[in-house]
Amino acid sequence: MRLQFHRTLYAGTAIDAALGRFAHLANTRFDRSETPEYFVVEVSASSPARSRAVAHELANFALGLTIEQGGPDR
């Protein structure tokens, strides 16, 4: 599942921190890239349903970390 985090809403540092916290998940792979407007994360797990569930939790966690640090990277 592909996640796109808009740079005006999310902090790249928060996404990296969230990926670090989720890295321990068995049979789940994360590939991070960037475009001029988005931080992009591809989530691959053992099934499409698992990929969706992990992706949604990752997005929520990254948003929470962005809020905690005071907003997107400047």
Protein backbone atom coordinates (compact mmCIF):
# COMPACT_ATOMS: atom_id res chain seq x y z
CA MET A 1 0.00 0.00 0.00
CA ARG A 2 1.32 3.42 -0.94
CA LEU A 3 1.09 6.31 1.52
CA GLN A 4 1.71 9.90 0.49
CA PHE A 5 2.37 12.36 3.30
CA HIS A 6 2.04 15.96 2.12
CA ARG A 7 5.00 18.06 3.20
CA THR A 8 2.77 20.90 4.43
CA LEU A 9 1.08 18.54 6.92
CA TYR A 10 3.72 16.01 7.99
CA ALA A 11 7.28 16.24 9.28
CA GLY A 12 9.78 14.02 7.51
CA THR A 13 11.55 13.49 10.82
CA ALA A 14 8.27 12.23 12.32
CA ILE A 15 7.79 9.80 9.44
CA ASP A 16 11.33 8.51 9.92
CA ALA A 17 10.72 8.09 13.66
CA ALA A 18 7.46 6.24 13.00
CA LEU A 19 9.21 3.94 10.53
CA GLY A 20 11.84 3.22 13.18
CA ARG A 21 9.15 2.26 15.69
CA PHE A 22 7.36 0.02 13.18
CA ALA A 23 10.53 -1.60 11.79
CA HIS A 24 10.22 -4.58 14.15
CA LEU A 25 7.00 -5.85 12.55
CA ALA A 26 7.52 -9.32 11.14
CA ASN A 27 6.96 -9.86 7.43
CA THR A 28 6.48 -6.15 6.78
CA ARG A 29 8.64 -4.04 4.51
CA PHE A 30 8.76 -0.24 4.26
CA ASP A 31 10.27 1.66 1.34
CA ARG A 32 10.55 5.44 1.80
CA SER A 33 11.04 7.94 -1.00
CA GLU A 34 10.27 11.59 -1.64
CA THR A 35 8.79 13.82 -4.29
CA PRO A 36 8.81 17.62 -4.23
CA GLU A 37 5.37 17.61 -2.54
CA TYR A 38 5.23 14.32 -0.65
CA PHE A 39 7.06 11.90 1.58
CA VAL A 40 6.11 8.49 0.16
CA VAL A 41 6.09 5.16 1.99
CA GLU A 42 5.30 1.82 0.38
CA VAL A 43 4.08 -0.73 2.92
CA SER A 44 4.28 -4.42 1.99
CA ALA A 45 3.06 -7.05 4.43
CA SER A 46 1.94 -10.67 4.34
CA SER A 47 -1.49 -9.76 2.90
CA PRO A 48 -3.23 -6.72 1.43
CA ALA A 49 -5.38 -6.41 4.56
CA ARG A 50 -2.30 -6.46 6.79
CA SER A 51 -0.59 -3.88 4.56
CA ARG A 52 -3.61 -1.56 4.88
CA ALA A 53 -3.84 -1.99 8.65
CA VAL A 54 -0.13 -1.31 9.18
CA ALA A 55 -0.18 1.64 6.76
CA HIS A 56 -3.09 3.29 8.55
CA GLU A 57 -1.46 2.85 11.96
CA LEU A 58 1.83 4.21 10.60
CA ALA A 59 0.07 7.29 9.21
CA ASN A 60 -1.68 7.93 12.53
CA PHE A 61 1.55 7.54 14.46
CA ALA A 62 3.46 9.86 12.09
CA LEU A 63 0.74 12.50 12.41
CA GLY A 64 0.86 12.26 16.21
CA LEU A 65 4.63 12.69 16.19
CA THR A 66 4.33 15.64 13.80
CA ILE A 67 1.89 17.32 16.19
CA GLU A 68 4.13 16.60 19.19
CA GLN A 69 7.11 18.26 17.52
CA GLY A 70 5.11 21.35 16.64
CA GLY A 71 4.22 20.76 13.00
CA PRO A 72 5.89 19.98 9.69
CA ASP A 73 9.61 20.45 9.08
CA ARG A 74 10.45 24.00 8.14
